[in-house]
Amino acid sequence: MTSQRICSLSELVQDEARRFEVDGVAIAVVLDSNGEVHAIGDTCTHGDISLSEGFVDGDTLECWAHGSAFSLRTGKPLNLPAYEPVPVFQVTIDGDDVFVDPAVKLALN
């Protein structure tokens, strides 16, 4: 697979998650308060809940259903009940276009 354009940067709202589906992969995309764009798996690992419906706080995305917060940088859960990470995908910005490749999962610590 290759990177696919998912939206324009101007379509993203700061500190809000937005759900996209790319090649059948659900991805939550966040423009954080520092102006960085993050892309993580949209499904909470504790339950089949869309993370993009959750709450952004700094560099975390919290699941609205059970309260687990996930790092937007590493995908790791920061509290229970989730204990498995979500995938983190590489984001490329070209001008005003935001690209994500659902096949490229970043291995971050």
PDB file of N, CA and C in Angstrom:
ATOM      1  N   MET A   1       0.833  -1.168   0.000  1.00  0.00           N
ATOM      2  CA  MET A   1       0.000   0.000   0.000  1.00  0.00           C
ATOM      3  C   MET A   1       0.885   1.241   0.000  1.00  0.00           C
ATOM      4  N   THR A   2       0.309   2.331  -0.380  1.00  0.00           N
ATOM      5  CA  THR A   2       1.013   3.600  -0.355  1.00  0.00           C
ATOM      6  C   THR A   2       0.209   4.607   0.446  1.00  0.00           C
ATOM      7  N   SER A   3       0.886   5.694   0.792  1.00  0.00           N
ATOM      8  CA  SER A   3       0.193   6.750   1.525  1.00  0.00           C
ATOM      9  C   SER A   3      -0.983   7.259   0.713  1.00  0.00           C
ATOM     10  N   GLN A   4      -2.070   7.516   1.409  1.00  0.00           N
ATOM     11  CA  GLN A   4      -3.271   8.023   0.757  1.00  0.00           C
ATOM     12  C   GLN A   4      -3.680   9.332   1.400  1.00  0.00           C
ATOM     13  N   ARG A   5      -4.126  10.252   0.571  1.00  0.00           N
ATOM     14  CA  ARG A   5      -4.625  11.524   1.079  1.00  0.00           C
ATOM     15  C   ARG A   5      -5.942  11.255   1.807  1.00  0.00           C
ATOM     16  N   ILE A   6      -6.024  11.736   3.053  1.00  0.00           N
ATOM     17  CA  ILE A   6      -7.257  11.516   3.810  1.00  0.00           C
ATOM     18  C   ILE A   6      -8.054  12.795   3.994  1.00  0.00           C
ATOM     19  N   CYS A   7      -7.369  13.945   3.997  1.00  0.00           N
ATOM     20  CA  CYS A   7      -8.059  15.221   4.165  1.00  0.00           C
ATOM     21  C   CYS A   7      -7.060  16.345   3.970  1.00  0.00           C
ATOM     22  N   SER A   8      -7.558  17.563   4.081  1.00  0.00           N
ATOM     23  CA  SER A   8      -6.648  18.703   4.102  1.00  0.00           C
ATOM     24  C   SER A   8      -6.400  19.071   5.565  1.00  0.00           C
ATOM     25  N   LEU A   9      -5.263  19.656   5.812  1.00  0.00           N
ATOM     26  CA  LEU A   9      -4.901  20.060   7.167  1.00  0.00           C
ATOM     27  C   LEU A   9      -5.925  21.039   7.725  1.00  0.00           C
ATOM     28  N   SER A  10      -6.461  21.894   6.866  1.00  0.00           N
ATOM     29  CA  SER A  10      -7.437  22.890   7.307  1.00  0.00           C
ATOM     30  C   SER A  10      -8.777  22.272   7.714  1.00  0.00           C
ATOM     31  N   GLU A  11      -9.012  21.009   7.365  1.00  0.00           N
ATOM     32  CA  GLU A  11     -10.251  20.327   7.761  1.00  0.00           C
ATOM     33  C   GLU A  11     -10.180  19.768   9.183  1.00  0.00           C
ATOM     34  N   LEU A  12      -8.986  19.661   9.737  1.00  0.00           N
ATOM     35  CA  LEU A  12      -8.826  19.117  11.083  1.00  0.00           C
ATOM     36  C   LEU A  12      -9.022  20.219  12.114  1.00  0.00           C
ATOM     37  N   VAL A  13      -9.686  19.880  13.201  1.00  0.00           N
ATOM     38  CA  VAL A  13      -9.930  20.813  14.290  1.00  0.00           C
ATOM     39  C   VAL A  13      -8.971  20.471  15.424  1.00  0.00           C
ATOM     40  N   GLN A  14      -8.266  21.473  15.914  1.00  0.00           N
ATOM     41  CA  GLN A  14      -7.287  21.245  16.973  1.00  0.00           C
ATOM     42  C   GLN A  14      -7.921  20.576  18.184  1.00  0.00           C
ATOM     43  N   ASP A  15      -7.228  19.561  18.696  1.00  0.00           N
ATOM     44  CA  ASP A  15      -7.622  18.817  19.894  1.00  0.00           C
ATOM     45  C   ASP A  15      -8.940  18.076  19.751  1.00  0.00           C
ATOM     46  N   GLU A  16      -9.277  17.706  18.515  1.00  0.00           N
ATOM     47  CA  GLU A  16     -10.423  16.832  18.252  1.00  0.00           C
ATOM     48  C   GLU A  16      -9.968  15.700  17.355  1.00  0.00           C
ATOM     49  N   ALA A  17     -10.461  14.505  17.643  1.00  0.00           N
ATOM     50  CA  ALA A  17     -10.135  13.347  16.814  1.00  0.00           C
ATOM     51  C   ALA A  17     -11.162  13.221  15.693  1.00  0.00           C
ATOM     52  N   ARG A  18     -10.693  12.731  14.571  1.00  0.00           N
ATOM     53  CA  ARG A  18     -11.580  12.499  13.437  1.00  0.00           C
ATOM     54  C   ARG A  18     -11.288  11.118  12.860  1.00  0.00           C
ATOM     55  N   ARG A  19     -12.331  10.384  12.542  1.00  0.00           N
ATOM     56  CA  ARG A  19     -12.192   9.012  12.047  1.00  0.00           C
ATOM     57  C   ARG A  19     -12.137   8.987  10.527  1.00  0.00           C
ATOM     58  N   PHE A  20     -11.194   8.187  10.017  1.00  0.00           N
ATOM     59  CA  PHE A  20     -11.072   7.919   8.589  1.00  0.00           C
ATOM     60  C   PHE A  20     -10.922   6.429   8.402  1.00  0.00           C
ATOM     61  N   GLU A  21     -11.353   5.948   7.265  1.00  0.00           N
ATOM     62  CA  GLU A  21     -11.114   4.550   6.921  1.00  0.00           C
ATOM     63  C   GLU A  21     -10.269   4.525   5.658  1.00  0.00           C
ATOM     64  N   VAL A  22      -9.111   3.880   5.760  1.00  0.00           N
ATOM     65  CA  VAL A  22      -8.174   3.808   4.648  1.00  0.00           C
ATOM     66  C   VAL A  22      -7.890   2.338   4.377  1.00  0.00           C
ATOM     67  N   ASP A  23      -8.260   1.871   3.202  1.00  0.00           N
ATOM     68  CA  ASP A  23      -8.066   0.461   2.824  1.00  0.00           C
ATOM     69  C   ASP A  23      -8.619  -0.490   3.890  1.00  0.00           C
ATOM     70  N   GLY A  24      -9.775  -0.145   4.429  1.00  0.00           N
ATOM     71  CA  GLY A  24     -10.432  -1.000   5.414  1.00  0.00           C
ATOM     72  C   GLY A  24      -9.905  -0.870   6.825  1.00  0.00           C
ATOM     73  N   VAL A  25      -8.950   0.047   7.049  1.00  0.00           N
ATOM     74  CA  VAL A  25      -8.372   0.250   8.377  1.00  0.00           C
ATOM     75  C   VAL A  25      -8.950   1.533   8.973  1.00  0.00           C
ATOM     76  N   ALA A  26      -9.571   1.407  10.149  1.00  0.00           N
ATOM     77  CA  ALA A  26     -10.121   2.574  10.836  1.00  0.00           C
ATOM     78  C   ALA A  26      -8.996   3.300  11.563  1.00  0.00           C
ATOM     79  N   ILE A  27      -8.876   4.607  11.281  1.00  0.00           N
ATOM     80  CA  ILE A  27      -7.778   5.407  11.824  1.00  0.00           C
ATOM     81  C   ILE A  27      -8.347   6.672  12.454  1.00  0.00           C
ATOM     82  N   ALA A  28      -7.874   6.979  13.673  1.00  0.00           N
ATOM     83  CA  ALA A  28      -8.219   8.234  14.334  1.00  0.00           C
ATOM     84  C   ALA A  28      -7.089   9.222  14.074  1.00  0.00           C
ATOM     85  N   VAL A  29      -7.438  10.387  13.545  1.00  0.00           N
ATOM     86  CA  VAL A  29      -6.450  11.419  13.226  1.00  0.00           C
ATOM     87  C   VAL A  29      -6.691  12.616  14.129  1.00  0.00           C
ATOM     88  N   VAL A  30      -5.603  13.128  14.713  1.00  0.00           N
ATOM     89  CA  VAL A  30      -5.687  14.234  15.670  1.00  0.00           C
ATOM     90  C   VAL A  30      -4.670  15.310  15.316  1.00  0.00           C
ATOM     91  N   LEU A  31      -5.142  16.558  15.294  1.00  0.00           N
ATOM     92  CA  LEU A  31      -4.267  17.722  15.230  1.00  0.00           C
ATOM     93  C   LEU A  31      -4.133  18.214  16.666  1.00  0.00           C
ATOM     94  N   ASP A  32      -2.933  18.043  17.251  1.00  0.00           N
ATOM     95  CA  ASP A  32      -2.783  18.403  18.663  1.00  0.00           C
ATOM     96  C   ASP A  32      -2.527  19.896  18.836  1.00  0.00           C
ATOM     97  N   SER A  33      -2.446  20.338  20.066  1.00  0.00           N
ATOM     98  CA  SER A  33      -2.293  21.761  20.368  1.00  0.00           C
ATOM     99  C   SER A  33      -0.937  22.314  19.945  1.00  0.00           C
ATOM    100  N   ASN A  34       0.024  21.439  19.637  1.00  0.00           N
ATOM    101  CA  ASN A  34       1.333  21.860  19.134  1.00  0.00           C
ATOM    102  C   ASN A  34       1.369  21.931  17.615  1.00  0.00           C
ATOM    103  N   GLY A  35       0.239  21.613  16.975  1.00  0.00           N
ATOM    104  CA  GLY A  35       0.183  21.647  15.515  1.00  0.00           C
ATOM    105  C   GLY A  35       0.649  20.365  14.844  1.00  0.00           C
ATOM    106  N   GLU A  36       0.911  19.324  15.623  1.00  0.00           N
ATOM    107  CA  GLU A  36       1.322  18.039  15.065  1.00  0.00           C
ATOM    108  C   GLU A  36       0.094  17.189  14.747  1.00  0.00           C
ATOM    109  N   VAL A  37       0.184  16.431  13.662  1.00  0.00           N
ATOM    110  CA  VAL A  37      -0.901  15.539  13.278  1.00  0.00           C
ATOM    111  C   VAL A  37      -0.483  14.106  13.612  1.00  0.00           C
ATOM    112  N   HIS A  38      -1.374  13.391  14.282  1.00  0.00           N
ATOM    113  CA  HIS A  38      -1.128  12.012  14.693  1.00  0.00           C
ATOM    114  C   HIS A  38      -2.194  11.112  14.085  1.00  0.00           C
ATOM    115  N   ALA A  39      -1.813   9.860  13.809  1.00  0.00           N
ATOM    116  CA  ALA A  39      -2.759   8.867  13.299  1.00  0.00           C
ATOM    117  C   ALA A  39      -2.554   7.574  14.082  1.00  0.00           C
ATOM    118  N   ILE A  40      -3.614   7.126  14.767  1.00  0.00           N
ATOM    119  CA  ILE A  40      -3.546   5.878  15.524  1.00  0.00           C
ATOM    120  C   ILE A  40      -4.759   5.021  15.166  1.00  0.00           C
ATOM    121  N   GLY A  41      -4.667   3.737  15.479  1.00  0.00           N
ATOM    122  CA  GLY A  41      -5.795   2.845  15.275  1.00  0.00           C
ATOM    123  C   GLY A  41      -7.013   3.376  15.999  1.00  0.00           C
ATOM    124  N   ASP A  42      -8.160   3.329  15.356  1.00  0.00           N
ATOM    125  CA  ASP A  42      -9.366   3.953  15.906  1.00  0.00           C
ATOM    126  C   ASP A  42     -10.139   3.064  16.868  1.00  0.00           C
ATOM    127  N   THR A  43      -9.737   1.836  17.047  1.00  0.00           N
ATOM    128  CA  THR A  43     -10.508   0.930  17.900  1.00  0.00           C
ATOM    129  C   THR A  43      -9.793   0.692  19.218  1.00  0.00           C
ATOM    130  N   CYS A  44     -10.462   1.016  20.312  1.00  0.00           N
ATOM    131  CA  CYS A  44      -9.915   0.786  21.651  1.00  0.00           C
ATOM    132  C   CYS A  44      -9.625  -0.699  21.816  1.00  0.00           C
ATOM    133  N   THR A  45      -8.473  -0.997  22.412  1.00  0.00           N
ATOM    134  CA  THR A  45      -8.099  -2.406  22.593  1.00  0.00           C
ATOM    135  C   THR A  45      -8.814  -3.057  23.769  1.00  0.00           C
ATOM    136  N   HIS A  46      -9.545  -2.289  24.550  1.00  0.00           N
ATOM    137  CA  HIS A  46     -10.313  -2.859  25.654  1.00  0.00           C
ATOM    138  C   HIS A  46     -11.689  -3.311  25.180  1.00  0.00           C
ATOM    139  N   GLY A  47     -12.221  -2.632  24.192  1.00  0.00           N
ATOM    140  CA  GLY A  47     -13.530  -2.977  23.661  1.00  0.00           C
ATOM    141  C   GLY A  47     -13.648  -2.436  22.248  1.00  0.00           C
ATOM    142  N   ASP A  48     -14.670  -2.816  21.584  1.00  0.00           N
ATOM    143  CA  ASP A  48     -14.861  -2.401  20.191  1.00  0.00           C
ATOM    144  C   ASP A  48     -15.499  -1.008  20.155  1.00  0.00           C
ATOM    145  N   ILE A  49     -14.723  -0.010  20.611  1.00  0.00           N
ATOM    146  CA  ILE A  49     -15.193   1.365  20.736  1.00  0.00           C
ATOM    147  C   ILE A  49     -14.323   2.256  19.861  1.00  0.00           C
ATOM    148  N   SER A  50     -14.951   3.195  19.154  1.00  0.00           N
ATOM    149  CA  SER A  50     -14.215   4.133  18.306  1.00  0.00           C
ATOM    150  C   SER A  50     -13.511   5.171  19.171  1.00  0.00           C
ATOM    151  N   LEU A  51     -12.189   5.221  19.087  1.00  0.00           N
ATOM    152  CA  LEU A  51     -11.430   6.205  19.859  1.00  0.00           C
ATOM    153  C   LEU A  51     -11.656   7.621  19.352  1.00  0.00           C
ATOM    154  N   SER A  52     -12.001   7.769  18.086  1.00  0.00           N
ATOM    155  CA  SER A  52     -12.201   9.117  17.546  1.00  0.00           C
ATOM    156  C   SER A  52     -13.415   9.815  18.165  1.00  0.00           C
ATOM    157  N   GLU A  53     -14.237   9.074  18.878  1.00  0.00           N
ATOM    158  CA  GLU A  53     -15.365   9.671  19.591  1.00  0.00           C
ATOM    159  C   GLU A  53     -14.963  10.105  20.997  1.00  0.00           C
ATOM    160  N   GLY A  54     -13.677   9.885  21.318  1.00  0.00           N
ATOM    161  CA  GLY A  54     -13.183  10.186  22.658  1.00  0.00           C
ATOM    162  C   GLY A  54     -12.675  11.604  22.802  1.00  0.00           C
ATOM    163  N   PHE A  55     -11.831  11.802  23.805  1.00  0.00           N
ATOM    164  CA  PHE A  55     -11.387  13.120  24.217  1.00  0.00           C
ATOM    165  C   PHE A  55      -9.881  13.262  24.056  1.00  0.00           C
ATOM    166  N   VAL A  56      -9.454  14.343  23.434  1.00  0.00           N
ATOM    167  CA  VAL A  56      -8.031  14.636  23.264  1.00  0.00           C
ATOM    168  C   VAL A  56      -7.577  15.504  24.426  1.00  0.00           C
ATOM    169  N   ASP A  57      -6.468  15.107  25.037  1.00  0.00           N
ATOM    170  CA  ASP A  57      -5.873  15.887  26.119  1.00  0.00           C
ATOM    171  C   ASP A  57      -4.366  15.856  25.916  1.00  0.00           C
ATOM    172  N   GLY A  58      -3.806  16.949  25.423  1.00  0.00           N
ATOM    173  CA  GLY A  58      -2.367  16.989  25.144  1.00  0.00           C
ATOM    174  C   GLY A  58      -2.023  16.006  24.047  1.00  0.00           C
ATOM    175  N   ASP A  59      -1.174  15.028  24.376  1.00  0.00           N
ATOM    176  CA  ASP A  59      -0.796  14.025  23.380  1.00  0.00           C
ATOM    177  C   ASP A  59      -1.427  12.666  23.686  1.00  0.00           C
ATOM    178  N   THR A  60      -2.650  12.710  24.250  1.00  0.00           N
ATOM    179  CA  THR A  60      -3.383  11.473  24.515  1.00  0.00           C
ATOM    180  C   THR A  60      -4.788  11.544  23.932  1.00  0.00           C
ATOM    181  N   LEU A  61      -5.337  10.374  23.670  1.00  0.00           N
ATOM    182  CA  LEU A  61      -6.721  10.232  23.213  1.00  0.00           C
ATOM    183  C   LEU A  61      -7.398   9.248  24.157  1.00  0.00           C
ATOM    184  N   GLU A  62      -8.438   9.713  24.833  1.00  0.00           N
ATOM    185  CA  GLU A  62      -9.118   8.909  25.839  1.00  0.00           C
ATOM    186  C   GLU A  62     -10.378   8.281  25.273  1.00  0.00           C
ATOM    187  N   CYS A  63     -10.553   6.995  25.506  1.00  0.00           N
ATOM    188  CA  CYS A  63     -11.759   6.275  25.100  1.00  0.00           C
ATOM    189  C   CYS A  63     -12.923   6.781  25.946  1.00  0.00           C
ATOM    190  N   TRP A  64     -13.986   7.183  25.289  1.00  0.00           N
ATOM    191  CA  TRP A  64     -15.139   7.754  25.993  1.00  0.00           C
ATOM    192  C   TRP A  64     -15.890   6.706  26.813  1.00  0.00           C
ATOM    193  N   ALA A  65     -15.780   5.439  26.450  1.00  0.00           N
ATOM    194  CA  ALA A  65     -16.589   4.415  27.113  1.00  0.00           C
ATOM    195  C   ALA A  65     -16.023   3.944  28.448  1.00  0.00           C
ATOM    196  N   HIS A  66     -14.713   3.702  28.502  1.00  0.00           N
ATOM    197  CA  HIS A  66     -14.149   3.122  29.713  1.00  0.00           C
ATOM    198  C   HIS A  66     -12.995   3.920  30.294  1.00  0.00           C
ATOM    199  N   GLY A  67     -12.607   5.022  29.632  1.00  0.00           N
ATOM    200  CA  GLY A  67     -11.628   5.921  30.213  1.00  0.00           C
ATOM    201  C   GLY A  67     -10.165   5.627  29.962  1.00  0.00           C
ATOM    202  N   SER A  68      -9.837   4.591  29.216  1.00  0.00           N
ATOM    203  CA  SER A  68      -8.426   4.349  28.925  1.00  0.00           C
ATOM    204  C   SER A  68      -7.903   5.436  27.997  1.00  0.00           C
ATOM    205  N   ALA A  69      -6.750   5.992  28.339  1.00  0.00           N
ATOM    206  CA  ALA A  69      -6.108   7.010  27.507  1.00  0.00           C
ATOM    207  C   ALA A  69      -4.935   6.370  26.773  1.00  0.00           C
ATOM    208  N   PHE A  70      -4.797   6.701  25.497  1.00  0.00           N
ATOM    209  CA  PHE A  70      -3.727   6.158  24.659  1.00  0.00           C
ATOM    210  C   PHE A  70      -2.805   7.283  24.215  1.00  0.00           C
ATOM    211  N   SER A  71      -1.499   7.016  24.227  1.00  0.00           N
ATOM    212  CA  SER A  71      -0.527   7.985  23.742  1.00  0.00           C
ATOM    213  C   SER A  71      -0.675   8.123  22.224  1.00  0.00           C
ATOM    214  N   LEU A  72      -0.780   9.363  21.751  1.00  0.00           N
ATOM    215  CA  LEU A  72      -0.858   9.584  20.306  1.00  0.00           C
ATOM    216  C   LEU A  72       0.490   9.322  19.643  1.00  0.00           C
ATOM    217  N   ARG A  73       1.567   9.321  20.406  1.00  0.00           N
ATOM    218  CA  ARG A  73       2.911   9.099  19.857  1.00  0.00           C
ATOM    219  C   ARG A  73       3.292   7.624  19.790  1.00  0.00           C
ATOM    220  N   THR A  74       2.871   6.849  20.795  1.00  0.00           N
ATOM    221  CA  THR A  74       3.294   5.442  20.862  1.00  0.00           C
ATOM    222  C   THR A  74       2.150   4.450  20.723  1.00  0.00           C
ATOM    223  N   GLY A  75       0.924   4.902  20.941  1.00  0.00           N
ATOM    224  CA  GLY A  75      -0.230   4.006  20.923  1.00  0.00           C
ATOM    225  C   GLY A  75      -0.422   3.235  22.206  1.00  0.00           C
ATOM    226  N   LYS A  76       0.489   3.383  23.156  1.00  0.00           N
ATOM    227  CA  LYS A  76       0.401   2.632  24.410  1.00  0.00           C
ATOM    228  C   LYS A  76      -0.705   3.183  25.299  1.00  0.00           C
ATOM    229  N   PRO A  77      -1.441   2.280  25.959  1.00  0.00           N
ATOM    230  CA  PRO A  77      -2.441   2.740  26.928  1.00  0.00           C
ATOM    231  C   PRO A  77      -1.716   3.267  28.168  1.00  0.00           C
ATOM    232  N   LEU A  78      -2.237   4.340  28.722  1.00  0.00           N
ATOM    233  CA  LEU A  78      -1.606   4.960  29.882  1.00  0.00           C
ATOM    234  C   LEU A  78      -2.296   4.596  31.179  1.00  0.00           C
ATOM    235  N   ASN A  79      -3.435   3.918  31.068  1.00  0.00           N
ATOM    236  CA  ASN A  79      -4.157   3.479  32.256  1.00  0.00           C
ATOM    237  C   ASN A  79      -5.099   2.327  31.873  1.00  0.00           C
ATOM    238  N   LEU A  80      -5.566   1.635  32.894  1.00  0.00           N
ATOM    239  CA  LEU A  80      -6.511   0.531  32.689  1.00  0.00           C
ATOM    240  C   LEU A  80      -7.896   1.096  32.403  1.00  0.00           C
ATOM    241  N   PRO A  81      -8.774   0.341  31.803  1.00  0.00           N
ATOM    242  CA  PRO A  81      -8.720  -1.103  31.656  1.00  0.00           C
ATOM    243  C   PRO A  81      -7.966  -1.595  30.417  1.00  0.00           C
ATOM    244  N   ALA A  82      -7.624  -0.746  29.469  1.00  0.00           N
ATOM    245  CA  ALA A  82      -6.864  -1.217  28.301  1.00  0.00           C
ATOM    246  C   ALA A  82      -5.426  -1.512  28.707  1.00  0.00           C
ATOM    247  N   TYR A  83      -4.854  -2.555  28.142  1.00  0.00           N
ATOM    248  CA  TYR A  83      -3.452  -2.870  28.417  1.00  0.00           C
ATOM    249  C   TYR A  83      -2.673  -3.182  27.145  1.00  0.00           C
ATOM    250  N   GLU A  84      -3.365  -3.258  26.011  1.00  0.00           N
ATOM    251  CA  GLU A  84      -2.701  -3.482  24.726  1.00  0.00           C
ATOM    252  C   GLU A  84      -2.652  -2.166  23.956  1.00  0.00           C
ATOM    253  N   PRO A  85      -1.541  -1.890  23.262  1.00  0.00           N
ATOM    254  CA  PRO A  85      -1.454  -0.647  22.482  1.00  0.00           C
ATOM    255  C   PRO A  85      -2.275  -0.712  21.199  1.00  0.00           C
ATOM    256  N   VAL A  86      -2.569   0.459  20.660  1.00  0.00           N
ATOM    257  CA  VAL A  86      -3.173   0.570  19.334  1.00  0.00           C
ATOM    258  C   VAL A  86      -2.047   0.910  18.364  1.00  0.00           C
ATOM    259  N   PRO A  87      -2.201   0.580  17.086  1.00  0.00           N
ATOM    260  CA  PRO A  87      -1.142   0.914  16.133  1.00  0.00           C
ATOM    261  C   PRO A  87      -1.040   2.422  15.911  1.00  0.00           C
ATOM    262  N   VAL A  88       0.170   2.866  15.602  1.00  0.00           N
ATOM    263  CA  VAL A  88       0.440   4.260  15.261  1.00  0.00           C
ATOM    264  C   VAL A  88       0.937   4.276  13.820  1.00  0.00           C
ATOM    265  N   PHE A  89       0.384   5.171  13.021  1.00  0.00           N
ATOM    266  CA  PHE A  89       0.710   5.219  11.600  1.00  0.00           C
ATOM    267  C   PHE A  89       1.470   6.495  11.262  1.00  0.00           C
ATOM    268  N   GLN A  90       2.323   6.390  10.243  1.00  0.00           N
ATOM    269  CA  GLN A  90       3.091   7.536   9.790  1.00  0.00           C
ATOM    270  C   GLN A  90       2.177   8.522   9.073  1.00  0.00           C
ATOM    271  N   VAL A  91       2.344   9.788   9.413  1.00  0.00           N
ATOM    272  CA  VAL A  91       1.592  10.870   8.783  1.00  0.00           C
ATOM    273  C   VAL A  91       2.567  11.704   7.967  1.00  0.00           C
ATOM    274  N   THR A  92       2.165  12.052   6.752  1.00  0.00           N
ATOM    275  CA  THR A  92       2.951  12.934   5.901  1.00  0.00           C
ATOM    276  C   THR A  92       2.078  14.123   5.529  1.00  0.00           C
ATOM    277  N   ILE A  93       2.649  15.309   5.671  1.00  0.00           N
ATOM    278  CA  ILE A  93       1.946  16.534   5.286  1.00  0.00           C
ATOM    279  C   ILE A  93       2.640  17.076   4.038  1.00  0.00           C
ATOM    280  N   ASP A  94       1.852  17.304   2.995  1.00  0.00           N
ATOM    281  CA  ASP A  94       2.376  17.889   1.758  1.00  0.00           C
ATOM    282  C   ASP A  94       1.513  19.101   1.425  1.00  0.00           C
ATOM    283  N   GLY A  95       2.046  20.290   1.722  1.00  0.00           N
ATOM    284  CA  GLY A  95       1.243  21.496   1.572  1.00  0.00           C
ATOM    285  C   GLY A  95       0.121  21.475   2.592  1.00  0.00           C
ATOM    286  N   ASP A  96      -1.129  21.421   2.111  1.00  0.00           N
ATOM    287  CA  ASP A  96      -2.301  21.352   2.991  1.00  0.00           C
ATOM    288  C   ASP A  96      -2.888  19.944   3.034  1.00  0.00           C
ATOM    289  N   ASP A  97      -2.246  18.999   2.355  1.00  0.00           N
ATOM    290  CA  ASP A  97      -2.764  17.635   2.274  1.00  0.00           C
ATOM    291  C   ASP A  97      -2.165  16.736   3.350  1.00  0.00           C
ATOM    292  N   VAL A  98      -3.024  15.940   3.990  1.00  0.00           N
ATOM    293  CA  VAL A  98      -2.605  14.987   5.015  1.00  0.00           C
ATOM    294  C   VAL A  98      -2.680  13.588   4.419  1.00  0.00           C
ATOM    295  N   PHE A  99      -1.563  12.859   4.487  1.00  0.00           N
ATOM    296  CA  PHE A  99      -1.473  11.509   3.950  1.00  0.00           C
ATOM    297  C   PHE A  99      -1.171  10.526   5.078  1.00  0.00           C
ATOM    298  N   VAL A 100      -1.780   9.332   4.998  1.00  0.00           N
ATOM    299  CA  VAL A 100      -1.522   8.247   5.948  1.00  0.00           C
ATOM    300  C   VAL A 100      -1.399   6.959   5.152  1.00  0.00           C
ATOM    301  N   ASP A 101      -0.449   6.118   5.538  1.00  0.00           N
ATOM    302  CA  ASP A 101      -0.306   4.793   4.940  1.00  0.00           C
ATOM    303  C   ASP A 101      -0.665   3.772   6.004  1.00  0.00           C
ATOM    304  N   PRO A 102      -1.816   3.090   5.868  1.00  0.00           N
ATOM    305  CA  PRO A 102      -2.242   2.147   6.908  1.00  0.00           C
ATOM    306  C   PRO A 102      -1.350   0.912   7.013  1.00  0.00           C
ATOM    307  N   ALA A 103      -0.466   0.704   6.049  1.00  0.00           N
ATOM    308  CA  ALA A 103       0.432  -0.443   6.105  1.00  0.00           C
ATOM    309  C   ALA A 103       1.702  -0.120   6.888  1.00  0.00           C
ATOM    310  N   VAL A 104       1.988   1.164   7.101  1.00  0.00           N
ATOM    311  CA  VAL A 104       3.213   1.555   7.799  1.00  0.00           C
ATOM    312  C   VAL A 104       2.887   1.872   9.244  1.00  0.00           C
ATOM    313  N   LYS A 105       3.146   0.888  10.098  1.00  0.00           N
ATOM    314  CA  LYS A 105       2.931   1.072  11.529  1.00  0.00           C
ATOM    315  C   LYS A 105       4.270   1.426  12.150  1.00  0.00           C
ATOM    316  N   LEU A 106       4.275   2.503  12.897  1.00  0.00           N
ATOM    317  CA  LEU A 106       5.506   2.955  13.515  1.00  0.00           C
ATOM    318  C   LEU A 106       5.803   2.137  14.753  1.00  0.00           C
ATOM    319  N   ALA A 107       7.061   1.798  14.933  1.00  0.00           N
ATOM    320  CA  ALA A 107       7.496   1.056  16.120  1.00  0.00           C
ATOM    321  C   ALA A 107       8.145   2.048  17.069  1.00  0.00           C
ATOM    322  N   LEU A 108       7.343   2.557  17.991  1.00  0.00           N
ATOM    323  CA  LEU A 108       7.830   3.552  18.936  1.00  0.00           C
ATOM    324  C   LEU A 108       7.838   2.964  20.332  1.00  0.00           C
ATOM    325  N   ASN A 109       8.759   3.437  21.132  1.00  0.00           N
ATOM    326  CA  ASN A 109       8.851   2.957  22.518  1.00  0.00           C
ATOM    327  C   ASN A 109       8.055   3.810  23.446  1.00  0.00           C
TER     328      ASN A 109
END
